[in-house]
PDB file of N, CA and C in Angstrom:
ATOM      1  N   UNK A   1      11.143  -6.297  19.205  1.00  0.00           N
ATOM      2  CA  UNK A   1      11.892  -6.596  18.051  1.00  0.00           C
ATOM      3  C   UNK A   1      10.438  -6.872  17.129  1.00  0.00           C
ATOM      4  N   UNK A   2      10.506  -6.213  16.113  1.00  0.00           N
ATOM      5  CA  UNK A   2       9.348  -6.930  15.472  1.00  0.00           C
ATOM      6  C   UNK A   2       9.973  -7.848  14.077  1.00  0.00           C
ATOM      7  N   UNK A   3       9.250  -8.516  13.634  1.00  0.00           N
ATOM      8  CA  UNK A   3       9.691  -9.741  12.708  1.00  0.00           C
ATOM      9  C   UNK A   3       9.072  -9.155  11.457  1.00  0.00           C
ATOM     10  N   UNK A   4       9.692  -9.067  10.247  1.00  0.00           N
ATOM     11  CA  UNK A   4       9.159  -8.921   9.253  1.00  0.00           C
ATOM     12  C   UNK A   4       9.577  -9.830   7.793  1.00  0.00           C
ATOM     13  N   UNK A   5       8.369  -9.948   7.088  1.00  0.00           N
ATOM     14  CA  UNK A   5       8.923 -11.010   6.020  1.00  0.00           C
ATOM     15  C   UNK A   5       9.629 -10.596   4.769  1.00  0.00           C
ATOM     16  N   UNK A   6      10.012 -11.298   4.252  1.00  0.00           N
ATOM     17  CA  UNK A   6      10.592 -10.699   3.005  1.00  0.00           C
ATOM     18  C   UNK A   6       9.398 -10.311   1.952  1.00  0.00           C
ATOM     19  N   UNK A   7       9.434  -9.480   0.958  1.00  0.00           N
ATOM     20  CA  UNK A   7       8.357  -8.725  -0.046  1.00  0.00           C
ATOM     21  C   UNK A   7       8.475  -9.987  -0.807  1.00  0.00           C
ATOM     22  N   UNK A   8       7.168 -10.312  -1.214  1.00  0.00           N
ATOM     23  CA  UNK A   8       6.728 -11.198  -2.076  1.00  0.00           C
ATOM     24  C   UNK A   8       7.638 -10.839  -3.667  1.00  0.00           C
ATOM     25  N   UNK A   9       8.223 -11.608  -4.335  1.00  0.00           N
ATOM     26  CA  UNK A   9       8.720 -11.545  -5.526  1.00  0.00           C
ATOM     27  C   UNK A   9       7.486 -11.283  -6.654  1.00  0.00           C
ATOM     28  N   UNK A  10       7.674 -10.142  -7.417  1.00  0.00           N
ATOM     29  CA  UNK A  10       6.801 -10.101  -8.596  1.00  0.00           C
ATOM     30  C   UNK A  10       7.474 -10.081  -9.619  1.00  0.00           C
ATOM     31  N   UNK A  11       7.656 -11.171 -10.279  1.00  0.00           N
ATOM     32  CA  UNK A  11       8.486 -11.093 -11.453  1.00  0.00           C
ATOM     33  C   UNK A  11       7.823 -10.549 -12.926  1.00  0.00           C
ATOM     34  N   UNK A  12       6.443  -9.876 -12.686  1.00  0.00           N
ATOM     35  CA  UNK A  12       5.855  -9.502 -13.807  1.00  0.00           C
ATOM     36  C   UNK A  12       5.216  -8.002 -13.512  1.00  0.00           C
ATOM     37  N   UNK A  13       6.252  -7.063 -12.604  1.00  0.00           N
ATOM     38  CA  UNK A  13       6.243  -6.180 -12.206  1.00  0.00           C
ATOM     39  C   UNK A  13       6.278  -5.440 -13.368  1.00  0.00           C
ATOM     40  N   UNK A  14       7.355  -5.487 -14.267  1.00  0.00           N
ATOM     41  CA  UNK A  14       7.412  -4.307 -15.118  1.00  0.00           C
ATOM     42  C   UNK A  14       6.307  -4.828 -16.353  1.00  0.00           C
ATOM     43  N   UNK A  15       5.816  -5.872 -16.392  1.00  0.00           N
ATOM     44  CA  UNK A  15       4.605  -6.280 -17.172  1.00  0.00           C
ATOM     45  C   UNK A  15       3.377  -5.455 -16.977  1.00  0.00           C
ATOM     46  N   UNK A  16       3.066  -5.468 -15.594  1.00  0.00           N
ATOM     47  CA  UNK A  16       1.624  -4.978 -14.910  1.00  0.00           C
ATOM     48  C   UNK A  16       1.260  -3.648 -15.823  1.00  0.00           C
ATOM     49  N   UNK A  17       2.320  -2.539 -15.815  1.00  0.00           N
ATOM     50  CA  UNK A  17       2.255  -1.238 -16.254  1.00  0.00           C
ATOM     51  C   UNK A  17       1.337  -1.024 -17.419  1.00  0.00           C
ATOM     52  N   UNK A  18       1.947  -2.067 -18.433  1.00  0.00           N
ATOM     53  CA  UNK A  18       1.401  -1.989 -19.656  1.00  0.00           C
ATOM     54  C   UNK A  18       0.169  -2.849 -20.011  1.00  0.00           C
ATOM     55  N   UNK A  19      -0.957  -3.367 -18.876  1.00  0.00           N
ATOM     56  CA  UNK A  19      -1.741  -4.231 -19.003  1.00  0.00           C
ATOM     57  C   UNK A  19      -2.864  -3.375 -18.315  1.00  0.00           C
ATOM     58  N   UNK A  20      -4.268  -3.184 -19.052  1.00  0.00           N
ATOM     59  CA  UNK A  20      -5.318  -2.708 -18.803  1.00  0.00           C
ATOM     60  C   UNK A  20      -6.112  -3.418 -18.124  1.00  0.00           C
ATOM     61  N   UNK A  21      -5.848  -3.946 -16.624  1.00  0.00           N
ATOM     62  CA  UNK A  21      -6.765  -4.561 -16.298  1.00  0.00           C
ATOM     63  C   UNK A  21      -8.233  -4.151 -15.984  1.00  0.00           C
ATOM     64  N   UNK A  22      -8.488  -2.840 -15.874  1.00  0.00           N
ATOM     65  CA  UNK A  22      -9.892  -2.303 -15.621  1.00  0.00           C
ATOM     66  C   UNK A  22     -10.747  -2.603 -16.901  1.00  0.00           C
ATOM     67  N   UNK A  23     -10.199  -2.739 -17.781  1.00  0.00           N
ATOM     68  CA  UNK A  23     -10.851  -3.109 -19.238  1.00  0.00           C
ATOM     69  C   UNK A  23     -11.013  -4.476 -19.545  1.00  0.00           C
ATOM     70  N   UNK A  24     -10.437  -5.370 -18.700  1.00  0.00           N
ATOM     71  CA  UNK A  24     -10.056  -6.577 -19.072  1.00  0.00           C
ATOM     72  C   UNK A  24     -11.649  -7.438 -18.897  1.00  0.00           C
ATOM     73  N   UNK A  25     -11.832  -8.417 -20.007  1.00  0.00           N
ATOM     74  CA  UNK A  25     -13.175  -9.155 -19.757  1.00  0.00           C
ATOM     75  C   UNK A  25     -12.756 -10.316 -19.196  1.00  0.00           C
ATOM     76  N   UNK A  26     -13.353 -10.689 -17.945  1.00  0.00           N
ATOM     77  CA  UNK A  26     -13.071 -11.591 -16.980  1.00  0.00           C
ATOM     78  C   UNK A  26     -14.120 -12.891 -17.183  1.00  0.00           C
ATOM     79  N   UNK A  27     -13.532 -14.159 -17.539  1.00  0.00           N
ATOM     80  CA  UNK A  27     -14.421 -15.271 -17.590  1.00  0.00           C
ATOM     81  C   UNK A  27     -14.128 -16.196 -16.287  1.00  0.00           C
ATOM     82  N   UNK A  28     -15.309 -17.163 -16.138  1.00  0.00           N
ATOM     83  CA  UNK A  28     -15.143 -18.031 -15.654  1.00  0.00           C
ATOM     84  C   UNK A  28     -15.824 -19.236 -16.122  1.00  0.00           C
ATOM     85  N   UNK A  29     -15.180 -20.767 -15.336  1.00  0.00           N
ATOM     86  CA  UNK A  29     -15.801 -21.775 -16.195  1.00  0.00           C
ATOM     87  C   UNK A  29     -16.812 -22.176 -15.196  1.00  0.00           C
ATOM     88  N   UNK A  30     -17.058 -21.961 -13.795  1.00  0.00           N
ATOM     89  CA  UNK A  30     -18.163 -22.589 -12.790  1.00  0.00           C
ATOM     90  C   UNK A  30     -18.281 -21.442 -11.936  1.00  0.00           C
ATOM     91  N   UNK A  31     -19.199 -21.489 -11.466  1.00  0.00           N
ATOM     92  CA  UNK A  31     -19.646 -20.950 -10.242  1.00  0.00           C
ATOM     93  C   UNK A  31     -19.482 -21.503  -8.773  1.00  0.00           C
ATOM     94  N   UNK A  32     -19.157 -20.748  -8.076  1.00  0.00           N
ATOM     95  CA  UNK A  32     -18.970 -21.356  -6.824  1.00  0.00           C
ATOM     96  C   UNK A  32     -17.933 -20.100  -6.058  1.00  0.00           C
ATOM     97  N   UNK A  33     -17.907 -20.564  -4.672  1.00  0.00           N
ATOM     98  CA  UNK A  33     -17.094 -19.563  -3.641  1.00  0.00           C
ATOM     99  C   UNK A  33     -15.342 -19.331  -4.067  1.00  0.00           C
ATOM    100  N   UNK A  34     -15.000 -20.481  -4.539  1.00  0.00           N
ATOM    101  CA  UNK A  34     -13.811 -20.825  -4.939  1.00  0.00           C
ATOM    102  C   UNK A  34     -13.185 -20.524  -6.177  1.00  0.00           C
ATOM    103  N   UNK A  35     -14.346 -20.024  -7.104  1.00  0.00           N
ATOM    104  CA  UNK A  35     -14.105 -19.930  -8.354  1.00  0.00           C
ATOM    105  C   UNK A  35     -13.133 -18.832  -8.633  1.00  0.00           C
ATOM    106  N   UNK A  36     -12.282 -19.138  -9.926  1.00  0.00           N
ATOM    107  CA  UNK A  36     -11.101 -17.984 -10.217  1.00  0.00           C
ATOM    108  C   UNK A  36     -11.897 -17.447 -11.823  1.00  0.00           C
ATOM    109  N   UNK A  37     -11.051 -16.248 -11.950  1.00  0.00           N
ATOM    110  CA  UNK A  37     -11.492 -15.736 -13.312  1.00  0.00           C
ATOM    111  C   UNK A  37     -10.312 -15.548 -14.118  1.00  0.00           C
ATOM    112  N   UNK A  38     -10.372 -15.464 -15.215  1.00  0.00           N
ATOM    113  CA  UNK A  38      -9.264 -15.428 -16.058  1.00  0.00           C
ATOM    114  C   UNK A  38      -9.328 -14.178 -17.305  1.00  0.00           C
ATOM    115  N   UNK A  39      -8.610 -13.710 -17.693  1.00  0.00           N
ATOM    116  CA  UNK A  39      -8.836 -13.011 -19.153  1.00  0.00           C
ATOM    117  C   UNK A  39      -7.500 -12.903 -19.772  1.00  0.00           C
ATOM    118  N   UNK A  40      -7.937 -12.509 -21.070  1.00  0.00           N
ATOM    119  CA  UNK A  40      -6.606 -12.344 -21.891  1.00  0.00           C
ATOM    120  C   UNK A  40      -6.574 -10.994 -22.440  1.00  0.00           C
ATOM    121  N   UNK A  41      -5.133 -10.309 -21.795  1.00  0.00           N
ATOM    122  CA  UNK A  41      -4.933  -9.042 -21.687  1.00  0.00           C
ATOM    123  C   UNK A  41      -3.904  -8.747 -22.592  1.00  0.00           C
ATOM    124  N   UNK A  42      -4.231  -7.910 -23.907  1.00  0.00           N
ATOM    125  CA  UNK A  42      -3.179  -7.590 -24.540  1.00  0.00           C
ATOM    126  C   UNK A  42      -2.261  -6.428 -23.683  1.00  0.00           C
ATOM    127  N   UNK A  43      -1.081  -6.414 -24.167  1.00  0.00           N
ATOM    128  CA  UNK A  43       0.104  -5.579 -23.587  1.00  0.00           C
ATOM    129  C   UNK A  43       0.627  -4.559 -24.547  1.00  0.00           C
ATOM    130  N   UNK A  44       1.092  -3.427 -23.986  1.00  0.00           N
ATOM    131  CA  UNK A  44       1.608  -2.540 -24.845  1.00  0.00           C
ATOM    132  C   UNK A  44       2.769  -3.281 -25.888  1.00  0.00           C
ATOM    133  N   UNK A  45       3.546  -4.019 -25.253  1.00  0.00           N
ATOM    134  CA  UNK A  45       4.792  -4.780 -26.002  1.00  0.00           C
ATOM    135  C   UNK A  45       4.018  -5.827 -27.104  1.00  0.00           C
ATOM    136  N   UNK A  46       3.024  -5.853 -27.304  1.00  0.00           N
ATOM    137  CA  UNK A  46       2.119  -6.849 -28.503  1.00  0.00           C
ATOM    138  C   UNK A  46       1.805  -8.227 -27.907  1.00  0.00           C
ATOM    139  N   UNK A  47       2.232  -8.694 -26.797  1.00  0.00           N
ATOM    140  CA  UNK A  47       2.105  -9.819 -26.169  1.00  0.00           C
ATOM    141  C   UNK A  47       0.741  -9.954 -25.620  1.00  0.00           C
ATOM    142  N   UNK A  48       0.163 -10.818 -25.591  1.00  0.00           N
ATOM    143  CA  UNK A  48      -1.196 -11.168 -24.859  1.00  0.00           C
ATOM    144  C   UNK A  48      -0.898 -12.084 -23.401  1.00  0.00           C
ATOM    145  N   UNK A  49      -1.054 -11.368 -22.238  1.00  0.00           N
ATOM    146  CA  UNK A  49      -0.849 -12.334 -21.303  1.00  0.00           C
ATOM    147  C   UNK A  49      -2.111 -12.592 -20.823  1.00  0.00           C
ATOM    148  N   UNK A  50      -2.119 -13.561 -19.520  1.00  0.00           N
ATOM    149  CA  UNK A  50      -3.326 -14.195 -19.112  1.00  0.00           C
ATOM    150  C   UNK A  50      -3.034 -13.763 -17.640  1.00  0.00           C
ATOM    151  N   UNK A  51      -4.372 -13.296 -17.425  1.00  0.00           N
ATOM    152  CA  UNK A  51      -4.442 -12.514 -16.143  1.00  0.00           C
ATOM    153  C   UNK A  51      -5.454 -13.234 -15.438  1.00  0.00           C
ATOM    154  N   UNK A  52      -5.153 -13.830 -13.979  1.00  0.00           N
ATOM    155  CA  UNK A  52      -6.337 -14.936 -13.100  1.00  0.00           C
ATOM    156  C   UNK A  52      -6.558 -14.149 -11.775  1.00  0.00           C
ATOM    157  N   UNK A  53      -7.582 -14.102 -11.352  1.00  0.00           N
ATOM    158  CA  UNK A  53      -7.749 -13.567 -10.019  1.00  0.00           C
ATOM    159  C   UNK A  53      -8.868 -14.570  -9.190  1.00  0.00           C
ATOM    160  N   UNK A  54      -9.347 -14.090  -7.972  1.00  0.00           N
ATOM    161  CA  UNK A  54     -10.137 -14.982  -7.148  1.00  0.00           C
ATOM    162  C   UNK A  54     -11.459 -14.034  -7.594  1.00  0.00           C
ATOM    163  N   UNK A  55     -12.559 -14.799  -8.014  1.00  0.00           N
ATOM    164  CA  UNK A  55     -13.504 -14.160  -8.268  1.00  0.00           C
ATOM    165  C   UNK A  55     -14.690 -13.759  -6.991  1.00  0.00           C
ATOM    166  N   UNK A  56     -14.376 -14.100  -5.967  1.00  0.00           N
ATOM    167  CA  UNK A  56     -14.904 -13.402  -4.792  1.00  0.00           C
ATOM    168  C   UNK A  56     -14.323 -12.471  -4.141  1.00  0.00           C
ATOM    169  N   UNK A  57     -12.993 -11.818  -4.919  1.00  0.00           N
ATOM    170  CA  UNK A  57     -12.199 -11.044  -4.629  1.00  0.00           C
ATOM    171  C   UNK A  57     -11.716 -10.092  -6.026  1.00  0.00           C
ATOM    172  N   UNK A  58     -12.326  -9.468  -6.828  1.00  0.00           N
ATOM    173  CA  UNK A  58     -12.082  -8.923  -7.848  1.00  0.00           C
ATOM    174  C   UNK A  58     -11.127  -7.802  -7.679  1.00  0.00           C
ATOM    175  N   UNK A  59     -11.076  -7.080  -6.624  1.00  0.00           N
ATOM    176  CA  UNK A  59      -9.980  -6.128  -6.393  1.00  0.00           C
ATOM    177  C   UNK A  59      -8.787  -6.740  -5.664  1.00  0.00           C
ATOM    178  N   UNK A  60      -8.569  -8.025  -5.874  1.00  0.00           N
ATOM    179  CA  UNK A  60      -7.538  -8.471  -4.767  1.00  0.00           C
ATOM    180  C   UNK A  60      -6.444  -8.663  -5.932  1.00  0.00           C
ATOM    181  N   UNK A  61      -5.591  -9.711  -5.609  1.00  0.00           N
ATOM    182  CA  UNK A  61      -4.579 -10.158  -6.277  1.00  0.00           C
ATOM    183  C   UNK A  61      -4.919 -10.547  -7.375  1.00  0.00           C
ATOM    184  N   UNK A  62      -4.077  -9.977  -8.756  1.00  0.00           N
ATOM    185  CA  UNK A  62      -4.147 -10.661  -9.869  1.00  0.00           C
ATOM    186  C   UNK A  62      -2.769 -11.198 -10.023  1.00  0.00           C
ATOM    187  N   UNK A  63      -2.883 -12.256 -10.460  1.00  0.00           N
ATOM    188  CA  UNK A  63      -1.657 -13.230 -11.221  1.00  0.00           C
ATOM    189  C   UNK A  63      -1.724 -12.894 -12.802  1.00  0.00           C
ATOM    190  N   UNK A  64      -0.239 -12.918 -13.307  1.00  0.00           N
ATOM    191  CA  UNK A  64      -0.128 -12.585 -14.503  1.00  0.00           C
ATOM    192  C   UNK A  64       0.487 -13.687 -15.001  1.00  0.00           C
ATOM    193  N   UNK A  65       0.286 -14.357 -16.207  1.00  0.00           N
ATOM    194  CA  UNK A  65       1.367 -15.278 -17.013  1.00  0.00           C
ATOM    195  C   UNK A  65       1.650 -15.231 -18.299  1.00  0.00           C
ATOM    196  N   UNK A  66       2.737 -15.525 -18.672  1.00  0.00           N
ATOM    197  CA  UNK A  66       3.106 -15.423 -20.118  1.00  0.00           C
ATOM    198  C   UNK A  66       2.345 -16.481 -20.841  1.00  0.00           C
ATOM    199  N   UNK A  67       2.549 -16.408 -22.332  1.00  0.00           N
ATOM    200  CA  UNK A  67       1.786 -17.413 -23.216  1.00  0.00           C
ATOM    201  C   UNK A  67       2.655 -18.834 -22.750  1.00  0.00           C
ATOM    202  N   UNK A  68       3.895 -18.838 -22.772  1.00  0.00           N
ATOM    203  CA  UNK A  68       4.397 -19.869 -22.420  1.00  0.00           C
ATOM    204  C   UNK A  68       4.115 -20.533 -20.993  1.00  0.00           C
ATOM    205  N   UNK A  69       3.957 -19.666 -19.977  1.00  0.00           N
ATOM    206  CA  UNK A  69       3.659 -20.096 -18.495  1.00  0.00           C
ATOM    207  C   UNK A  69       2.370 -20.667 -18.707  1.00  0.00           C
ATOM    208  N   UNK A  70       1.190 -20.233 -19.607  1.00  0.00           N
ATOM    209  CA  UNK A  70      -0.205 -20.510 -19.413  1.00  0.00           C
ATOM    210  C   UNK A  70      -0.413 -21.898 -20.325  1.00  0.00           C
ATOM    211  N   UNK A  71       0.611 -21.878 -21.269  1.00  0.00           N
ATOM    212  CA  UNK A  71       0.487 -23.177 -21.943  1.00  0.00           C
ATOM    213  C   UNK A  71       0.879 -24.287 -21.265  1.00  0.00           C
ATOM    214  N   UNK A  72       2.264 -24.240 -20.348  1.00  0.00           N
ATOM    215  CA  UNK A  72       2.636 -25.070 -19.248  1.00  0.00           C
ATOM    216  C   UNK A  72       1.576 -25.551 -18.398  1.00  0.00           C
ATOM    217  N   UNK A  73       0.929 -24.531 -18.063  1.00  0.00           N
ATOM    218  CA  UNK A  73      -0.235 -24.853 -17.057  1.00  0.00           C
ATOM    219  C   UNK A  73      -1.257 -25.679 -17.749  1.00  0.00           C
ATOM    220  N   UNK A  74      -1.595 -25.198 -18.807  1.00  0.00           N
ATOM    221  CA  UNK A  74      -2.753 -25.891 -19.317  1.00  0.00           C
ATOM    222  C   UNK A  74      -2.359 -27.320 -19.565  1.00  0.00           C
ATOM    223  N   UNK A  75      -1.221 -27.636 -20.235  1.00  0.00           N
ATOM    224  CA  UNK A  75      -0.321 -28.884 -20.355  1.00  0.00           C
ATOM    225  C   UNK A  75      -0.675 -29.721 -18.997  1.00  0.00           C
ATOM    226  N   UNK A  76      -0.124 -29.004 -17.947  1.00  0.00           N
ATOM    227  CA  UNK A  76      -0.324 -29.666 -16.427  1.00  0.00           C
ATOM    228  C   UNK A  76      -1.848 -30.235 -16.128  1.00  0.00           C
ATOM    229  N   UNK A  77      -2.784 -29.434 -16.616  1.00  0.00           N
ATOM    230  CA  UNK A  77      -4.045 -29.911 -16.081  1.00  0.00           C
ATOM    231  C   UNK A  77      -4.740 -31.051 -17.105  1.00  0.00           C
ATOM    232  N   UNK A  78      -4.024 -31.188 -18.427  1.00  0.00           N
ATOM    233  CA  UNK A  78      -4.547 -32.382 -19.053  1.00  0.00           C
ATOM    234  C   UNK A  78      -3.723 -33.395 -18.984  1.00  0.00           C
ATOM    235  N   UNK A  79      -2.495 -33.524 -18.249  1.00  0.00           N
ATOM    236  CA  UNK A  79      -1.861 -34.551 -18.055  1.00  0.00           C
ATOM    237  C   UNK A  79      -2.070 -34.886 -16.558  1.00  0.00           C
ATOM    238  N   UNK A  80      -3.243 -34.287 -15.883  1.00  0.00           N
ATOM    239  CA  UNK A  80      -3.507 -34.621 -14.421  1.00  0.00           C
ATOM    240  C   UNK A  80      -2.717 -34.390 -13.459  1.00  0.00           C
ATOM    241  N   UNK A  81      -1.886 -33.353 -13.778  1.00  0.00           N
ATOM    242  CA  UNK A  81      -1.011 -32.969 -12.589  1.00  0.00           C
ATOM    243  C   UNK A  81      -1.698 -32.227 -11.518  1.00  0.00           C
ATOM    244  N   UNK A  82      -2.770 -31.955 -11.512  1.00  0.00           N
ATOM    245  CA  UNK A  82      -3.491 -30.929 -10.443  1.00  0.00           C
ATOM    246  C   UNK A  82      -4.668 -31.949  -9.903  1.00  0.00           C
ATOM    247  N   UNK A  83      -4.759 -33.109 -10.347  1.00  0.00           N
ATOM    248  CA  UNK A  83      -5.903 -33.922  -9.770  1.00  0.00           C
ATOM    249  C   UNK A  83      -6.065 -34.266  -8.495  1.00  0.00           C
ATOM    250  N   UNK A  84      -7.007 -34.609  -7.925  1.00  0.00           N
ATOM    251  CA  UNK A  84      -6.791 -35.139  -6.510  1.00  0.00           C
ATOM    252  C   UNK A  84      -6.435 -36.473  -6.326  1.00  0.00           C
ATOM    253  N   UNK A  85      -5.420 -36.916  -5.743  1.00  0.00           N
ATOM    254  CA  UNK A  85      -4.938 -38.334  -5.350  1.00  0.00           C
ATOM    255  C   UNK A  85      -6.408 -39.484  -5.009  1.00  0.00           C
ATOM    256  N   UNK A  86      -6.438 -40.240  -5.547  1.00  0.00           N
ATOM    257  CA  UNK A  86      -7.738 -41.023  -5.210  1.00  0.00           C
ATOM    258  C   UNK A  86      -7.292 -42.184  -4.299  1.00  0.00           C
TER     259      UNK A  86
END
């Protein structure tokens, strides 16, 4: 009997087709093996989405965020939500 895991939910599947990730200008804030890169990518719907990927695997998984999701993420950073416990 083989086990299969449920497919990962991709809530941006409809958005991805309108993003030109091949022409994206990727930025990173620091160097290192765990560095992530991000890009502001315009969509054919007129919205600019934020794409994020692992710098060490540029052909791997790309996460896509709406402007409101990105704003919430940045607010969490400012509020210390992701700080390591002391």
